[in-house]
Amino acid sequence: MKKLIFMLILTGFSSMIFAQKKPLNIYGLPVDTLKTMVQKHPKYFEHLKNLWLKHPEKIKEDELMLLYYGSVFMKNFHPVQEDKAVEQIAKLMAEFDFQNAIKEGEKLLSVYPLNSRLYLLLGYAYKKIGLQQKSKFYYKKYGDLIRIPLYSGSGKNFDNAFVVRIVSDEYLILNQKDLELIMQEVRYHDQMPFDVLWVKPVSKANKRMKVLPKKKLYFNIYLPYFVGGHKTYKMVQEEAKRKYKVVNTKSTGK
C-alpha cells in the first residue's frame, strides 16, 4: 500500500483526504474519495478488473486494494445476489459435482471477480479433479484477495475493525486465523454498522460452551450494509415496479 498516497496525488484526489473528516477510512483512504475515484474514472477501474481477471500477476497490491473496495461503487455490486450465486457453487461441491461447480464457477468470475470465496471454491474443485496447476492458480488469487480485508485492521475493537466488501469475507478471515464462530451480532458505533463475532480456536472436540468466550473480532460492514444494501433495495424496488406495472407519475398541480 506504500504507493497509494503517491497515486492519489497523481490522480488529483490527495487534497480531498484532508478536506474534511469522513465516516470511514480504508488504508488511510476516505471511502467518499474512493467513491469519487470510481465515478470519475470508471475506465480505470474496468482496466484493473480486466487485469485482475486476465493477468493477475501484473496487478499491484495497492491497485488490488482499490479494486477490492472500489468494486462496491461499480454498477453490478449487489452483495445479497452475489452471495446467493456463489452459494450455488458451494452446493454443487457439497454434492461432489465438481465438474459442474467449475463450469458454473468460471462463468461467475466475470460477474463477481472480487468474490474471495469463489476463488477458494474453484481452487478446491480443481484440486479434487486432479488439475493441480489450475488449483494453485486459484488458491493464489484467493490468498492475494483475502489479504486485502485481512490487513485492513486488527479486528480488536471498533476503531481497528476489519473492513469487508461482503459479509462472506468475515468467515474467510476466521478461517485464515483458525477460528470458529460461537455467536454473532450487529452493533452500531458512531453511527457505523459492525458485525461483532465471538470466536474460539478451531477444535475437533465438539464441546458445549459453558462460558461465553471473551475473544471478539470486529468487522466494519458499512460497505455491504449501507452501500450494497441501498443498491439491493433499489433493485428489488425496480423489479416490483416492473412486475406490478407501476408507473411513476408527477403531480400536475391541478
Protein backbone atom coordinates (compact mmCIF):
# COMPACT_ATOMS: atom_id res chain seq x y z
CA MET A 1 0.00 0.00 0.00
CA LYS A 2 3.06 2.32 0.05
CA LYS A 3 2.38 3.72 -3.40
CA LEU A 4 -1.20 4.69 -2.58
CA ILE A 5 -0.53 8.27 -1.43
CA PHE A 6 1.67 8.95 -4.46
CA MET A 7 -1.04 7.54 -6.70
CA LEU A 8 -3.70 9.77 -5.15
CA ILE A 9 -1.54 12.84 -5.78
CA LEU A 10 -1.22 11.88 -9.44
CA THR A 11 -4.98 11.40 -9.79
CA GLY A 12 -5.78 14.73 -8.18
CA PHE A 13 -7.58 13.38 -5.15
CA SER A 14 -4.98 13.98 -2.43
CA SER A 15 -6.45 17.34 -1.42
CA MET A 16 -9.76 15.64 -0.61
CA ILE A 17 -8.17 13.41 2.01
CA PHE A 18 -7.55 16.33 4.38
CA ALA A 19 -10.54 18.45 3.40
CA GLN A 20 -12.95 17.03 5.97
CA LYS A 21 -13.46 14.14 8.33
CA LYS A 22 -15.00 11.12 6.59
CA PRO A 23 -17.10 8.37 8.20
CA LEU A 24 -14.80 5.57 7.10
CA ASN A 25 -11.13 5.35 6.13
CA ILE A 26 -9.70 2.29 4.41
CA TYR A 27 -5.91 2.05 4.47
CA GLY A 28 -5.94 5.80 5.14
CA LEU A 29 -8.20 6.49 2.16
CA PRO A 30 -11.61 8.11 2.87
CA VAL A 31 -14.37 5.97 1.42
CA ASP A 32 -16.02 9.01 -0.19
CA THR A 33 -12.77 9.71 -2.03
CA LEU A 34 -12.76 6.14 -3.31
CA LYS A 35 -16.36 6.54 -4.46
CA THR A 36 -15.44 9.70 -6.35
CA MET A 37 -12.50 7.95 -7.99
CA VAL A 38 -14.76 5.17 -9.25
CA GLN A 39 -17.36 7.63 -10.53
CA LYS A 40 -14.87 9.90 -12.28
CA HIS A 41 -12.55 7.19 -13.62
CA PRO A 42 -14.75 4.15 -14.40
CA LYS A 43 -12.47 3.09 -17.28
CA TYR A 44 -9.51 2.89 -14.91
CA PHE A 45 -11.38 0.53 -12.59
CA GLU A 46 -12.59 -1.53 -15.55
CA HIS A 47 -8.96 -1.77 -16.62
CA LEU A 48 -7.98 -3.01 -13.15
CA LYS A 49 -10.80 -5.56 -13.22
CA ASN A 50 -9.72 -6.93 -16.60
CA LEU A 51 -6.11 -7.01 -15.44
CA TRP A 52 -7.11 -8.99 -12.35
CA LEU A 53 -9.11 -11.45 -14.45
CA LYS A 54 -6.66 -11.98 -17.31
CA HIS A 55 -3.21 -11.06 -15.98
CA PRO A 56 -3.32 -11.09 -12.14
CA GLU A 57 0.48 -11.16 -11.97
CA LYS A 58 0.54 -7.64 -13.42
CA ILE A 59 -1.73 -6.02 -10.84
CA LYS A 60 -0.02 -4.36 -7.88
CA GLU A 61 -1.12 -4.72 -4.28
CA ASP A 62 -2.33 -1.12 -3.95
CA GLU A 63 -4.25 -1.47 -7.22
CA LEU A 64 -5.91 -4.65 -5.98
CA MET A 65 -6.89 -2.84 -2.79
CA LEU A 66 -8.51 -0.04 -4.82
CA LEU A 67 -10.31 -2.61 -6.95
CA TYR A 68 -11.49 -4.71 -3.99
CA TYR A 69 -13.10 -1.77 -2.20
CA GLY A 70 -13.89 0.28 -5.31
CA SER A 71 -15.99 -2.61 -6.66
CA VAL A 72 -18.77 -1.71 -4.23
CA PHE A 73 -19.35 1.50 -6.17
CA MET A 74 -19.47 -0.22 -9.55
CA LYS A 75 -22.83 -0.89 -11.22
CA ASN A 76 -23.15 -4.63 -10.64
CA PHE A 77 -22.46 -4.66 -6.89
CA HIS A 78 -25.36 -6.42 -5.14
CA PRO A 79 -23.93 -8.35 -2.16
CA VAL A 80 -27.06 -10.41 -1.46
CA GLN A 81 -27.32 -11.52 -5.08
CA GLU A 82 -23.58 -12.20 -5.16
CA ASP A 83 -23.68 -14.37 -2.04
CA LYS A 84 -26.62 -16.38 -3.39
CA ALA A 85 -24.86 -17.02 -6.72
CA VAL A 86 -21.64 -18.23 -5.08
CA GLU A 87 -23.59 -20.35 -2.61
CA GLN A 88 -24.93 -22.35 -5.56
CA ILE A 89 -21.36 -23.29 -6.43
CA ALA A 90 -20.79 -24.43 -2.85
CA LYS A 91 -23.94 -26.59 -3.04
CA LEU A 92 -22.70 -28.30 -6.20
CA MET A 93 -19.43 -29.09 -4.45
CA ALA A 94 -21.28 -30.42 -1.41
CA GLU A 95 -22.90 -32.89 -3.83
CA PHE A 96 -19.41 -33.81 -5.17
CA ASP A 97 -20.39 -32.38 -8.56
CA PHE A 98 -17.01 -30.72 -9.08
CA GLN A 99 -17.21 -30.57 -12.87
CA ASN A 100 -20.41 -28.51 -12.86
CA ALA A 101 -19.13 -26.47 -9.93
CA ILE A 102 -16.12 -25.49 -12.03
CA LYS A 103 -18.24 -24.84 -15.12
CA GLU A 104 -20.66 -22.55 -13.28
CA GLY A 105 -17.94 -21.02 -11.13
CA GLU A 106 -15.89 -19.99 -14.15
CA LYS A 107 -18.97 -18.24 -15.55
CA LEU A 108 -19.38 -16.27 -12.35
CA LEU A 109 -15.83 -14.93 -12.41
CA SER A 110 -16.64 -12.25 -14.98
CA VAL A 111 -19.68 -11.18 -12.96
CA TYR A 112 -18.15 -11.33 -9.46
CA PRO A 113 -14.37 -11.07 -9.98
CA LEU A 114 -13.76 -9.76 -6.44
CA ASN A 115 -15.51 -12.56 -4.57
CA SER A 116 -12.83 -14.23 -2.45
CA ARG A 117 -14.93 -17.31 -1.69
CA LEU A 118 -15.41 -18.05 -5.39
CA TYR A 119 -11.64 -18.37 -5.91
CA LEU A 120 -11.34 -20.59 -2.85
CA LEU A 121 -14.09 -22.89 -4.10
CA LEU A 122 -12.60 -23.12 -7.58
CA GLY A 123 -9.16 -23.87 -6.13
CA TYR A 124 -10.61 -26.75 -4.14
CA ALA A 125 -12.73 -28.06 -7.03
CA TYR A 126 -9.77 -28.17 -9.42
CA LYS A 127 -7.74 -29.96 -6.76
CA LYS A 128 -10.42 -32.63 -6.41
CA ILE A 129 -10.38 -33.41 -10.14
CA GLY A 130 -6.59 -33.58 -10.20
CA LEU A 131 -5.72 -30.32 -12.01
CA GLN A 132 -3.07 -29.14 -9.56
CA GLN A 133 -1.72 -26.18 -11.56
CA LYS A 134 -5.19 -24.74 -12.02
CA SER A 135 -5.88 -25.32 -8.35
CA LYS A 136 -2.72 -23.46 -7.31
CA PHE A 137 -3.61 -20.58 -9.64
CA TYR A 138 -6.99 -20.03 -7.97
CA TYR A 139 -5.68 -20.62 -4.46
CA LYS A 140 -3.07 -17.92 -5.09
CA LYS A 141 -5.73 -15.49 -6.32
CA TYR A 142 -7.76 -16.27 -3.23
CA GLY A 143 -4.75 -15.60 -0.98
CA ASP A 144 -3.94 -12.32 -2.73
CA LEU A 145 -7.54 -11.15 -2.47
CA ILE A 146 -8.35 -12.13 1.12
CA ARG A 147 -5.20 -10.36 2.33
CA ILE A 148 -6.84 -7.04 1.45
CA PRO A 149 -9.55 -7.15 4.17
CA LEU A 150 -7.35 -9.30 6.44
CA TYR A 151 -4.79 -6.49 6.81
CA SER A 152 -7.30 -3.63 6.79
CA GLY A 153 -7.37 -3.72 10.59
CA SER A 154 -6.59 -5.81 13.64
CA GLY A 155 -10.23 -6.64 14.38
CA LYS A 156 -9.67 -5.98 18.08
CA ASN A 157 -12.15 -3.12 18.50
CA PHE A 158 -14.47 -0.74 16.64
CA ASP A 159 -11.66 1.64 15.69
CA ASN A 160 -9.47 -1.14 14.29
CA ALA A 161 -12.14 -3.33 12.72
CA PHE A 162 -11.58 -5.35 9.57
CA VAL A 163 -13.26 -3.63 6.61
CA VAL A 164 -15.02 -6.07 4.26
CA ARG A 165 -16.79 -5.54 0.94
CA ILE A 166 -19.08 -8.53 1.51
CA VAL A 167 -20.06 -10.41 4.67
CA SER A 168 -18.81 -13.81 3.46
CA ASP A 169 -15.25 -12.47 3.74
CA GLU A 170 -15.71 -12.31 7.52
CA TYR A 171 -15.87 -16.09 7.73
CA LEU A 172 -12.93 -16.49 5.38
CA ILE A 173 -10.89 -14.30 7.73
CA LEU A 174 -11.91 -16.57 10.61
CA ASN A 175 -10.70 -19.50 8.53
CA GLN A 176 -7.36 -17.76 7.92
CA LYS A 177 -6.94 -17.32 11.65
CA ASP A 178 -8.05 -20.87 12.52
CA LEU A 179 -11.01 -19.58 14.48
CA GLU A 180 -14.61 -20.74 14.62
CA LEU A 181 -17.74 -18.72 15.24
CA ILE A 182 -19.64 -19.02 18.53
CA MET A 183 -22.01 -16.06 18.38
CA GLN A 184 -22.58 -13.01 16.21
CA GLU A 185 -24.44 -9.72 16.48
CA VAL A 186 -24.78 -6.44 14.59
CA ARG A 187 -23.87 -3.37 16.62
CA TYR A 188 -23.61 0.33 15.89
CA HIS A 189 -20.75 2.57 16.96
CA ASP A 190 -20.58 6.25 15.97
CA GLN A 191 -23.47 5.59 13.56
CA MET A 192 -21.44 2.91 11.78
CA PRO A 193 -22.61 -0.75 11.50
CA PHE A 194 -20.37 -3.57 12.71
CA ASP A 195 -20.55 -7.34 12.91
CA VAL A 196 -19.16 -8.45 16.26
CA LEU A 197 -18.12 -12.10 16.28
CA TRP A 198 -17.39 -14.16 19.40
CA VAL A 199 -14.82 -16.75 18.39
CA LYS A 200 -12.65 -19.57 19.71
CA PRO A 201 -9.77 -21.60 18.24
CA VAL A 202 -10.85 -24.37 15.90
CA SER A 203 -11.18 -27.61 17.84
CA LYS A 204 -12.10 -31.15 16.79
CA ALA A 205 -13.83 -31.65 20.12
CA ASN A 206 -17.48 -30.65 19.81
CA LYS A 207 -17.91 -29.44 23.38
CA ARG A 208 -20.80 -27.30 24.51
CA MET A 209 -19.74 -23.80 25.58
CA LYS A 210 -20.48 -23.26 29.28
CA VAL A 211 -18.98 -19.77 29.40
CA LEU A 212 -19.14 -17.23 26.56
CA PRO A 213 -15.59 -16.73 25.21
CA LYS A 214 -14.10 -13.30 25.76
CA LYS A 215 -12.35 -13.11 22.39
CA LYS A 216 -14.22 -10.96 19.89
CA LEU A 217 -13.49 -9.77 16.38
CA TYR A 218 -14.95 -6.61 14.90
CA PHE A 219 -15.89 -6.18 11.24
CA ASN A 220 -16.94 -2.88 9.70
CA ILE A 221 -19.88 -3.68 7.38
CA TYR A 222 -20.63 -0.17 6.13
CA LEU A 223 -19.94 -1.17 2.51
CA PRO A 224 -22.18 -4.27 2.22
CA TYR A 225 -24.74 -2.98 4.73
CA PHE A 226 -25.29 0.61 3.59
CA VAL A 227 -23.77 0.92 0.12
CA GLY A 228 -24.70 -2.57 -1.08
CA GLY A 229 -27.94 -2.73 0.89
CA HIS A 230 -29.18 0.51 -0.59
CA LYS A 231 -28.45 -0.69 -4.12
CA THR A 232 -30.08 -4.05 -3.41
CA TYR A 233 -33.17 -2.28 -2.10
CA LYS A 234 -33.35 -0.16 -5.26
CA MET A 235 -33.01 -3.30 -7.39
CA VAL A 236 -35.90 -5.03 -5.58
CA GLN A 237 -37.95 -1.84 -5.82
CA GLU A 238 -37.45 -1.61 -9.59
CA GLU A 239 -38.29 -5.31 -10.04
CA ALA A 240 -41.52 -4.78 -8.10
CA LYS A 241 -42.42 -1.82 -10.29
CA ARG A 242 -41.94 -3.89 -13.42
CA LYS A 243 -43.85 -6.85 -12.00
CA TYR A 244 -46.86 -4.82 -10.94
CA LYS A 245 -46.54 -2.33 -13.83
CA VAL A 246 -46.18 0.66 -11.54
CA VAL A 247 -45.82 3.91 -13.48
CA ASN A 248 -44.15 6.95 -11.91
CA THR A 249 -46.40 9.98 -12.24
CA LYS A 250 -45.84 13.62 -11.44
CA SER A 251 -48.39 15.89 -9.91
CA THR A 252 -49.79 18.44 -12.32
CA GLY A 253 -50.76 20.78 -9.52
CA LYS A 254 -54.41 20.84 -10.64
